[in-house]
Amino acid sequence: MKKLLIMSLALMAMTSCTQQKSNEKAALASDSEVVADTMVTIKMEELTDLELIKSLPTADRDKKILEFCNLSTITNDVEYIVLGSKNDKGEEEYIRYVLQVIVGKEYIFVNTTDRVLQYQRDGKFIRKIGKSGQGPKEYSFVENIDIDETAGRIYIKSGVKLVVYSFDGEHVKDISFHEVPLFAMLNDTLFAANYDNYYGDAPYRLILQNEKKDTIKAFPNFVKFKSLNPGHLTTVFPNTNQSFYRYNGDVYYRETYNDTVFRISPNNELIPTYFLDWGKSAMTTEKRPEYLVDPDRIGEECLNLNRTKILETEHYLFMPYFSYNTGLGGRSTMTGFHVYNKQKQTLHAISPRYDMEHRYFPKLLRGTGFVIIGYQNNIDGGLPFFPEGVSTDGYIFNYMLAANFKDVIDAMGYYEEDVIAEKQQKLKELVKSLDEYSDNMVITMVKPK
């Protein structure tokens, strides 16, 4: 089960794929509620000078990195949830691949691409949601899931329909859907669907649709282009970038290459909330991979091209990205992170390129196939931590198959400096108790300060 896991909290400001300024202005002007003084501008370009930290003396550089890379800078504790495989009825389900995890206040839902599994918040397995198939009340490939905790419902996107179940596992209804992979429920009968502009001719970037398949509102796509190789699609990034996220009960939307994050208001308007200002580092439409198509040209012209998703908590924006070319040896995908402190209005960045020289970043486990990068875990000495999701009650989390979690810690050992001995002992006992055959996954939970 060992495989190459590149887990990174490399908070590096890399060049953004953004729409041309004229297109972006047109898009903003078209949205009826644009209130300039409500939008927070984050100066991303200020972090693009990697040489500044890299040029520091070794001791100063290490101190500079560690003063915002220790996990204790954002939290006081780490919790672990182990997902089991057998429920009270004796039913068993095993996880070998995970596309999506939603951590709610009472339940955890895991999308394995062909099943949706439900767990209690403490990790006890409850049930597989629904039935696999092509007929009514059934689903096959699971592209995306969403939940409504108030209504107690889970929405499963499969092809051109949403299959809706209650938290008790009962089928509620099927909803006819457009052929788009990413969506977010605005209420029980209205949802937002994102359109990727792969071929440069998409009429809309976002539509709001009800369960009768009526379009309530459509937001035009202002970025038009003709690919250098029409009809051919180059897949550059893994489909883990989410166009939507939730915070404080609201749904937020960010188009793939647009650096403006919008809140979808109760009256179905897009309210610009954050602007990721890349300045002169912003990329033009002509450098989009869908426009260039040829992998060699993408590798040459899209250096540090990235797609960023947003995770928001009370005090932070966590911004993971997927880069096409990381400068680490040709075309490769590397996970990285930006972290914006909303109170202090500061943005932290760590570059894998200079962290490679540091004794802690990353942890290279020779012979195991694992590379671990992230917040140095000086709480209990466990794995470096990077945020992958936010629970509905404000915890940030990441996850790993239980067997991999155990293998990596056994291979790398425990971080021993400035950790809390009692917490480290508790983690050691947890790792020792893990069963790679009966335990499915370990979710690491962190409550931000």
Protein backbone atom coordinates (compact mmCIF):
# COMPACT_ATOMS: atom_id res chain seq x y z
CA MET A 1 0.00 0.00 0.00
CA LYS A 2 3.00 2.22 0.08
CA LYS A 3 3.09 4.82 -2.59
CA LEU A 4 4.58 8.20 -3.24
CA LEU A 5 2.77 10.70 -1.04
CA ILE A 6 3.75 14.27 -1.52
CA MET A 7 2.19 15.99 1.48
CA SER A 8 3.07 19.62 1.56
CA LEU A 9 2.44 22.71 3.50
CA ALA A 10 5.01 24.57 1.43
CA LEU A 11 3.55 28.01 1.72
CA MET A 12 5.13 29.48 -1.37
CA ALA A 13 3.73 32.36 -3.35
CA MET A 14 3.84 31.15 -6.91
CA THR A 15 2.67 32.76 -10.11
CA SER A 16 -1.11 32.62 -10.50
CA CYS A 17 -3.06 31.72 -13.62
CA THR A 18 -5.43 34.66 -13.70
CA GLN A 19 -7.66 36.18 -16.30
CA GLN A 20 -6.48 39.19 -18.24
CA LYS A 21 -7.15 42.46 -16.42
CA SER A 22 -9.72 43.66 -18.95
CA ASN A 23 -11.67 40.40 -18.58
CA GLU A 24 -11.49 40.53 -14.82
CA LYS A 25 -12.78 44.12 -14.75
CA ALA A 26 -15.63 43.12 -17.03
CA ALA A 27 -16.49 40.18 -14.80
CA LEU A 28 -16.52 42.35 -11.69
CA ALA A 29 -18.53 45.08 -13.39
CA SER A 30 -21.16 42.54 -14.42
CA ASP A 31 -21.88 41.43 -10.86
CA SER A 32 -24.57 43.64 -9.44
CA GLU A 33 -23.24 43.88 -5.91
CA VAL A 34 -19.65 45.05 -6.09
CA VAL A 35 -18.71 46.95 -2.96
CA ALA A 36 -15.02 47.80 -3.15
CA ASP A 37 -14.46 48.55 0.53
CA THR A 38 -15.76 45.14 1.58
CA MET A 39 -13.17 43.23 -0.43
CA VAL A 40 -9.87 42.35 1.25
CA THR A 41 -6.82 42.51 -1.03
CA ILE A 42 -4.04 40.03 -0.25
CA LYS A 43 -0.72 41.05 -1.78
CA MET A 44 0.50 37.67 -3.03
CA GLU A 45 3.33 39.14 -5.09
CA GLU A 46 5.18 40.26 -1.97
CA LEU A 47 6.12 36.63 -1.35
CA THR A 48 7.48 35.81 -4.79
CA ASP A 49 11.07 36.84 -3.97
CA LEU A 50 12.31 33.46 -2.73
CA GLU A 51 15.92 34.59 -2.78
CA LEU A 52 15.32 36.92 0.16
CA ILE A 53 15.05 34.13 2.76
CA LYS A 54 17.29 31.75 0.86
CA SER A 55 20.15 34.28 0.98
CA LEU A 56 20.08 34.54 4.76
CA PRO A 57 22.80 32.80 6.82
CA THR A 58 21.84 29.23 7.65
CA ALA A 59 21.06 29.86 11.33
CA ASP A 60 18.94 32.94 10.54
CA ARG A 61 17.14 31.13 7.73
CA ASP A 62 16.32 28.16 9.95
CA LYS A 63 15.04 30.48 12.69
CA LYS A 64 12.96 32.43 10.17
CA ILE A 65 11.38 29.24 8.85
CA LEU A 66 10.72 27.70 12.25
CA GLU A 67 9.11 30.77 13.78
CA PHE A 68 6.06 30.29 11.56
CA CYS A 69 6.40 26.63 10.59
CA ASN A 70 5.85 24.99 13.96
CA LEU A 71 2.35 23.60 14.40
CA SER A 72 2.15 25.34 17.79
CA THR A 73 1.93 28.68 15.94
CA ILE A 74 -1.64 27.89 14.88
CA THR A 75 -2.93 25.40 17.48
CA ASN A 76 -2.51 24.05 20.99
CA ASP A 77 -3.55 20.47 20.33
CA VAL A 78 -3.80 17.66 17.79
CA GLU A 79 -6.58 15.06 17.75
CA TYR A 80 -6.84 11.84 15.76
CA ILE A 81 -9.95 10.05 14.51
CA VAL A 82 -9.50 6.45 13.36
CA LEU A 83 -12.16 5.30 10.91
CA GLY A 84 -13.14 1.69 11.46
CA SER A 85 -14.41 -0.85 8.93
CA LYS A 86 -17.27 -2.74 10.65
CA ASN A 87 -20.59 -1.47 11.98
CA ASP A 88 -22.95 -2.88 14.62
CA LYS A 89 -24.74 -4.98 11.97
CA GLY A 90 -21.52 -6.72 11.03
CA GLU A 91 -21.33 -4.94 7.66
CA GLU A 92 -17.79 -4.16 6.51
CA GLU A 93 -16.43 -1.54 4.12
CA TYR A 94 -12.76 -0.98 3.34
CA ILE A 95 -11.18 2.16 1.90
CA ARG A 96 -8.41 1.95 -0.68
CA TYR A 97 -8.82 5.34 -2.35
CA VAL A 98 -10.26 8.65 -1.14
CA LEU A 99 -11.45 11.52 -3.34
CA GLN A 100 -13.20 13.66 -0.75
CA VAL A 101 -13.81 13.83 3.01
CA ILE A 102 -16.46 15.94 4.74
CA VAL A 103 -16.20 16.26 8.52
CA GLY A 104 -19.47 17.43 10.06
CA LYS A 105 -20.43 18.12 13.64
CA GLU A 106 -21.92 14.65 14.14
CA TYR A 107 -20.88 12.63 11.09
CA ILE A 108 -18.01 12.08 8.70
CA PHE A 109 -18.63 11.25 5.03
CA VAL A 110 -15.99 9.73 2.75
CA ASN A 111 -16.21 9.72 -1.06
CA THR A 112 -14.21 6.75 -2.41
CA THR A 113 -15.31 7.48 -6.04
CA ASP A 114 -17.63 4.44 -6.16
CA ARG A 115 -19.16 4.60 -2.68
CA VAL A 116 -20.07 7.12 -0.01
CA LEU A 117 -19.37 5.90 3.52
CA GLN A 118 -20.80 7.40 6.71
CA TYR A 119 -19.09 7.42 10.11
CA GLN A 120 -19.80 8.84 13.52
CA ARG A 121 -17.63 11.78 14.49
CA ASP A 122 -15.60 9.44 16.70
CA GLY A 123 -14.78 7.25 13.67
CA LYS A 124 -17.20 4.37 14.16
CA PHE A 125 -18.51 3.05 10.83
CA ILE A 126 -22.27 3.47 10.36
CA ARG A 127 -23.18 2.54 6.79
CA LYS A 128 -22.62 2.77 3.10
CA ILE A 129 -25.00 5.44 1.81
CA GLY A 130 -27.44 4.17 -0.82
CA LYS A 131 -26.92 1.61 -3.57
CA SER A 132 -24.57 1.39 -6.52
CA GLY A 133 -26.15 1.28 -9.95
CA GLN A 134 -27.59 3.26 -12.85
CA GLY A 135 -31.26 3.26 -11.87
CA PRO A 136 -33.42 5.55 -9.73
CA LYS A 137 -32.20 5.96 -6.13
CA GLU A 138 -28.78 4.64 -7.23
CA TYR A 139 -25.40 6.14 -8.14
CA SER A 140 -22.28 4.86 -9.88
CA PHE A 141 -19.16 7.01 -10.08
CA VAL A 142 -19.19 9.69 -7.35
CA GLU A 143 -17.77 12.97 -8.62
CA ASN A 144 -18.57 15.19 -5.67
CA ILE A 145 -20.63 15.25 -2.47
CA ASP A 146 -22.12 17.97 -0.27
CA ILE A 147 -24.14 17.95 2.95
CA ASP A 148 -26.81 20.05 4.65
CA GLU A 149 -26.58 19.52 8.39
CA THR A 150 -29.71 21.55 9.11
CA ALA A 151 -31.86 19.38 6.85
CA GLY A 152 -29.81 16.24 7.62
CA ARG A 153 -29.17 15.42 3.97
CA ILE A 154 -26.27 14.33 1.79
CA TYR A 155 -26.12 15.13 -1.94
CA ILE A 156 -24.21 12.77 -4.22
CA LYS A 157 -23.23 13.97 -7.70
CA SER A 158 -23.15 11.09 -10.17
CA GLY A 159 -23.19 11.90 -13.88
CA VAL A 160 -26.20 14.05 -14.72
CA LYS A 161 -28.06 13.64 -11.45
CA LEU A 162 -27.89 14.37 -7.76
CA VAL A 163 -28.99 11.50 -5.55
CA VAL A 164 -30.20 12.81 -2.19
CA TYR A 165 -30.25 10.75 1.00
CA SER A 166 -31.04 11.52 4.62
CA PHE A 167 -28.41 11.13 7.33
CA ASP A 168 -30.34 7.99 8.29
CA GLY A 169 -29.45 6.47 4.91
CA GLU A 170 -32.96 6.80 3.45
CA HIS A 171 -33.39 7.90 -0.16
CA VAL A 172 -35.07 11.32 -0.41
CA LYS A 173 -35.09 12.21 -4.12
CA ASP A 174 -33.17 12.32 -7.38
CA ILE A 175 -32.45 15.68 -9.00
CA SER A 176 -31.66 16.12 -12.69
CA PHE A 177 -28.32 17.88 -13.09
CA HIS A 178 -26.07 19.48 -15.68
CA GLU A 179 -22.86 17.66 -16.66
CA VAL A 180 -20.48 19.52 -14.36
CA PRO A 181 -18.30 17.91 -11.69
CA LEU A 182 -18.31 20.58 -8.95
CA PHE A 183 -21.34 21.98 -7.15
CA ALA A 184 -22.49 23.40 -3.82
CA MET A 185 -25.96 23.34 -2.31
CA LEU A 186 -27.29 26.82 -1.48
CA ASN A 187 -30.41 25.35 0.09
CA ASP A 188 -32.39 22.13 -0.24
CA THR A 189 -33.73 23.02 -3.70
CA LEU A 190 -31.10 25.38 -5.15
CA PHE A 191 -27.49 24.68 -6.01
CA ALA A 192 -24.55 26.39 -7.70
CA ALA A 193 -22.66 24.60 -10.49
CA ASN A 194 -19.21 25.57 -11.76
CA TYR A 195 -18.23 25.48 -15.44
CA ASP A 196 -14.59 25.01 -16.38
CA ASN A 197 -13.76 26.95 -19.52
CA TYR A 198 -11.57 24.23 -21.08
CA TYR A 199 -12.10 25.17 -24.71
CA GLY A 200 -12.44 28.94 -24.38
CA ASP A 201 -16.08 29.00 -25.47
CA ALA A 202 -18.04 28.26 -22.28
CA PRO A 203 -21.08 30.60 -22.17
CA TYR A 204 -21.16 30.68 -18.37
CA ARG A 205 -18.74 30.40 -15.49
CA LEU A 206 -21.40 29.71 -12.87
CA ILE A 207 -25.10 28.86 -12.89
CA LEU A 208 -27.66 28.62 -10.10
CA GLN A 209 -30.17 25.86 -10.78
CA ASN A 210 -33.17 24.48 -8.91
CA GLU A 211 -34.26 20.86 -8.62
CA LYS A 212 -36.57 21.25 -11.64
CA LYS A 213 -33.45 22.05 -13.72
CA ASP A 214 -34.55 25.65 -14.14
CA THR A 215 -31.68 28.15 -14.37
CA ILE A 216 -32.37 30.76 -11.71
CA LYS A 217 -29.31 32.81 -12.55
CA ALA A 218 -26.33 32.49 -14.90
CA PHE A 219 -23.04 34.38 -14.66
CA PRO A 220 -21.37 34.90 -18.06
CA ASN A 221 -17.89 33.72 -18.94
CA PHE A 222 -15.83 36.70 -20.11
CA VAL A 223 -12.67 34.82 -21.05
CA LYS A 224 -12.85 33.70 -24.67
CA PHE A 225 -9.96 32.08 -26.49
CA LYS A 226 -9.13 29.61 -29.23
CA SER A 227 -6.88 26.75 -28.23
CA LEU A 228 -3.69 26.14 -30.19
CA ASN A 229 -4.99 22.61 -30.66
CA PRO A 230 -8.82 22.80 -30.71
CA GLY A 231 -10.64 19.73 -29.49
CA HIS A 232 -7.70 18.46 -27.46
CA LEU A 233 -7.82 18.78 -23.69
CA THR A 234 -4.71 18.69 -21.55
CA THR A 235 -5.33 17.60 -17.97
CA VAL A 236 -2.72 19.36 -15.89
CA PHE A 237 -4.08 19.40 -12.37
CA PRO A 238 -5.67 16.72 -10.20
CA ASN A 239 -9.40 17.20 -9.75
CA THR A 240 -9.04 18.09 -6.10
CA ASN A 241 -9.28 21.81 -6.61
CA GLN A 242 -12.68 22.88 -5.31
CA SER A 243 -14.40 25.93 -6.74
CA PHE A 244 -16.60 26.20 -3.65
CA TYR A 245 -16.10 26.31 0.09
CA ARG A 246 -18.24 27.11 3.13
CA TYR A 247 -17.60 29.51 5.96
CA ASN A 248 -20.03 30.77 8.61
CA GLY A 249 -22.95 29.19 6.79
CA ASP A 250 -22.23 30.93 3.49
CA VAL A 251 -21.04 29.44 0.20
CA TYR A 252 -17.98 31.01 -1.44
CA TYR A 253 -16.97 30.63 -5.07
CA ARG A 254 -13.73 31.08 -6.95
CA GLU A 255 -13.41 30.49 -10.67
CA THR A 256 -10.41 28.36 -11.64
CA TYR A 257 -8.22 31.15 -12.99
CA ASN A 258 -9.87 34.16 -11.38
CA ASP A 259 -8.09 35.64 -8.39
CA THR A 260 -11.29 37.02 -6.85
CA VAL A 261 -13.10 34.99 -4.20
CA PHE A 262 -16.86 35.67 -4.12
CA ARG A 263 -19.50 35.05 -1.49
CA ILE A 264 -22.85 33.94 -2.91
CA SER A 265 -25.39 36.18 -1.19
CA PRO A 266 -28.91 35.13 -0.08
CA ASN A 267 -30.35 37.02 -3.07
CA ASN A 268 -28.04 35.10 -5.42
CA GLU A 269 -25.45 37.78 -6.14
CA LEU A 270 -21.67 37.37 -6.21
CA ILE A 271 -20.06 39.55 -3.53
CA PRO A 272 -16.28 39.99 -4.01
CA THR A 273 -14.70 39.11 -0.68
CA TYR A 274 -10.98 38.49 -1.26
CA PHE A 275 -8.70 39.50 -4.09
CA LEU A 276 -5.42 37.59 -4.46
CA ASP A 277 -3.30 40.32 -5.99
CA TRP A 278 -0.41 38.81 -7.94
CA GLY A 279 0.57 42.11 -9.55
CA LYS A 280 3.07 41.76 -12.37
CA SER A 281 3.33 38.03 -11.62
CA ALA A 282 -0.24 37.44 -12.78
CA MET A 283 -0.47 35.20 -15.84
CA THR A 284 -2.37 35.97 -19.00
CA THR A 285 -5.05 33.85 -20.60
CA GLU A 286 -2.56 32.89 -23.32
CA LYS A 287 -0.57 30.90 -20.76
CA ARG A 288 -3.45 28.74 -19.64
CA PRO A 289 -2.69 25.05 -20.22
CA GLU A 290 -6.00 24.66 -22.06
CA TYR A 291 -4.80 27.29 -24.52
CA LEU A 292 -1.24 25.99 -24.95
CA VAL A 293 -2.19 22.27 -24.86
CA ASP A 294 1.29 20.98 -25.79
CA PRO A 295 2.98 19.64 -22.60
CA ASP A 296 6.41 20.95 -23.65
CA ARG A 297 5.08 24.46 -24.17
CA ILE A 298 3.21 24.30 -20.88
CA GLY A 299 6.40 23.23 -19.14
CA GLU A 300 8.29 26.15 -20.67
CA GLU A 301 5.72 28.91 -20.37
CA CYS A 302 3.76 27.93 -17.27
CA LEU A 303 6.58 27.77 -14.76
CA ASN A 304 5.04 27.84 -11.31
CA LEU A 305 1.55 27.77 -12.76
CA ASN A 306 -0.85 26.85 -9.97
CA ARG A 307 -4.46 26.28 -9.05
CA THR A 308 -5.43 27.45 -5.59
CA LYS A 309 -8.37 26.46 -3.46
CA ILE A 310 -9.43 28.24 -0.30
CA LEU A 311 -10.02 26.89 3.20
CA GLU A 312 -11.29 29.51 5.64
CA THR A 313 -11.46 29.51 9.44
CA GLU A 314 -12.14 32.30 11.92
CA HIS A 315 -8.59 33.65 11.85
CA TYR A 316 -6.98 32.12 8.75
CA LEU A 317 -7.20 31.51 5.04
CA PHE A 318 -5.36 28.33 4.08
CA MET A 319 -4.65 28.26 0.36
CA PRO A 320 -3.33 24.93 -0.97
CA TYR A 321 -2.19 24.86 -4.57
CA PHE A 322 -1.18 22.35 -7.22
CA SER A 323 1.75 23.41 -9.36
CA TYR A 324 2.49 22.13 -12.84
CA ASN A 325 6.20 22.86 -12.63
CA THR A 326 7.77 23.24 -9.21
CA GLY A 327 11.35 23.72 -10.30
CA LEU A 328 12.18 20.41 -8.64
CA GLY A 329 13.14 18.60 -11.80
CA GLY A 330 10.79 18.91 -14.74
CA ARG A 331 7.06 18.48 -15.00
CA SER A 332 5.66 17.40 -11.69
CA THR A 333 2.77 18.22 -9.37
CA MET A 334 3.67 19.43 -5.90
CA THR A 335 1.28 20.48 -3.18
CA GLY A 336 1.96 23.82 -1.56
CA PHE A 337 0.26 26.26 0.77
CA HIS A 338 -0.20 29.91 1.54
CA VAL A 339 -1.55 30.92 4.96
CA TYR A 340 -3.11 34.33 5.49
CA ASN A 341 -3.70 35.56 9.04
CA LYS A 342 -6.91 37.58 8.82
CA GLN A 343 -6.33 39.42 12.11
CA LYS A 344 -2.70 40.35 11.58
CA GLN A 345 -3.12 40.66 7.80
CA THR A 346 0.10 38.70 7.27
CA LEU A 347 0.91 36.05 4.69
CA HIS A 348 3.43 33.29 5.37
CA ALA A 349 5.29 31.32 2.76
CA ILE A 350 7.72 28.41 2.78
CA SER A 351 9.37 27.30 -0.43
CA PRO A 352 10.19 23.63 -1.02
CA ARG A 353 13.11 24.88 -3.06
CA TYR A 354 14.97 26.31 -0.13
CA ASP A 355 13.47 24.00 2.46
CA MET A 356 15.18 21.12 0.68
CA GLU A 357 18.37 22.30 2.36
CA HIS A 358 16.81 22.39 5.80
CA ARG A 359 17.21 19.48 8.18
CA TYR A 360 13.48 19.21 8.84
CA PHE A 361 11.80 20.33 5.63
CA PRO A 362 10.99 18.01 4.05
CA LYS A 363 11.46 14.68 5.75
CA LEU A 364 12.85 12.43 3.03
CA LEU A 365 12.43 8.79 4.00
CA ARG A 366 14.91 7.03 1.82
CA GLY A 367 13.79 3.62 0.64
CA THR A 368 10.17 4.17 1.65
CA GLY A 369 8.87 6.29 -1.21
CA PHE A 370 7.55 8.97 1.15
CA VAL A 371 8.31 12.66 1.15
CA ILE A 372 6.73 14.60 4.02
CA ILE A 373 6.49 18.38 4.07
CA GLY A 374 4.31 20.48 6.37
CA TYR A 375 4.00 22.28 9.67
CA GLN A 376 6.60 20.75 11.96
CA ASN A 377 4.56 18.85 14.55
CA ASN A 378 6.01 20.11 17.81
CA ILE A 379 2.79 19.27 19.68
CA ASP A 380 3.07 15.48 19.89
CA GLY A 381 6.00 14.83 17.54
CA GLY A 382 3.86 13.18 14.87
CA LEU A 383 3.69 13.73 11.13
CA PRO A 384 4.14 17.21 9.69
CA PHE A 385 0.71 18.70 9.21
CA PHE A 386 -0.88 20.45 6.24
CA PRO A 387 -4.57 21.40 6.06
CA GLU A 388 -6.72 19.59 3.48
CA GLY A 389 -10.17 20.54 4.68
CA VAL A 390 -12.19 22.43 7.28
CA SER A 391 -14.86 20.74 9.38
CA THR A 392 -18.25 22.39 9.79
CA ASP A 393 -17.30 23.29 13.38
CA GLY A 394 -14.03 24.97 12.45
CA TYR A 395 -11.33 22.30 12.75
CA ILE A 396 -8.77 21.96 9.98
CA PHE A 397 -7.89 18.41 9.07
CA ASN A 398 -6.03 16.06 6.80
CA TYR A 399 -6.27 12.33 6.31
CA MET A 400 -4.23 9.26 5.39
CA LEU A 401 -4.94 5.56 5.03
CA ALA A 402 -4.24 3.91 8.37
CA ALA A 403 -1.57 1.56 6.99
CA ASN A 404 0.29 4.47 5.38
CA PHE A 405 0.01 6.54 8.56
CA LYS A 406 1.60 3.75 10.55
CA ASP A 407 4.28 3.03 7.93
CA VAL A 408 5.38 6.65 7.67
CA ILE A 409 5.69 7.22 11.39
CA ASP A 410 7.52 3.91 11.84
CA ALA A 411 9.94 4.95 9.10
CA MET A 412 10.55 8.57 10.14
CA GLY A 413 10.32 8.20 13.89
CA TYR A 414 8.97 10.93 16.14
CA TYR A 415 10.03 14.54 16.35
CA GLU A 416 11.55 14.92 19.82
CA GLU A 417 12.27 18.64 20.32
CA ASP A 418 9.94 20.77 22.47
CA VAL A 419 7.05 18.33 22.28
CA ILE A 420 4.58 17.49 25.04
CA ALA A 421 5.64 14.12 26.43
CA GLU A 422 2.14 13.00 27.43
CA LYS A 423 0.76 13.78 24.00
CA GLN A 424 3.62 12.00 22.28
CA GLN A 425 3.08 8.91 24.39
CA LYS A 426 -0.62 8.96 23.52
CA LEU A 427 0.25 9.15 19.81
CA LYS A 428 2.71 6.26 20.13
CA GLU A 429 0.02 4.12 21.71
CA LEU A 430 -2.38 5.03 18.90
CA VAL A 431 0.15 4.11 16.20
CA LYS A 432 0.93 0.82 17.91
CA SER A 433 -2.76 -0.06 18.06
CA LEU A 434 -3.46 0.60 14.38
CA ASP A 435 -4.45 -2.45 12.37
CA GLU A 436 -3.82 -2.04 8.64
CA TYR A 437 -6.49 -4.64 7.89
CA SER A 438 -9.37 -3.41 10.07
CA ASP A 439 -8.64 0.31 10.39
CA ASN A 440 -9.47 2.34 7.32
CA MET A 441 -8.10 5.81 7.76
CA VAL A 442 -6.65 8.30 10.23
CA ILE A 443 -7.98 11.87 10.22
CA THR A 444 -5.76 14.42 11.94
CA MET A 445 -7.78 17.26 13.48
CA VAL A 446 -6.42 20.65 14.53
CA LYS A 447 -8.42 23.46 16.15
CA PRO A 448 -6.86 26.80 15.11
CA LYS A 449 -6.14 29.29 17.88
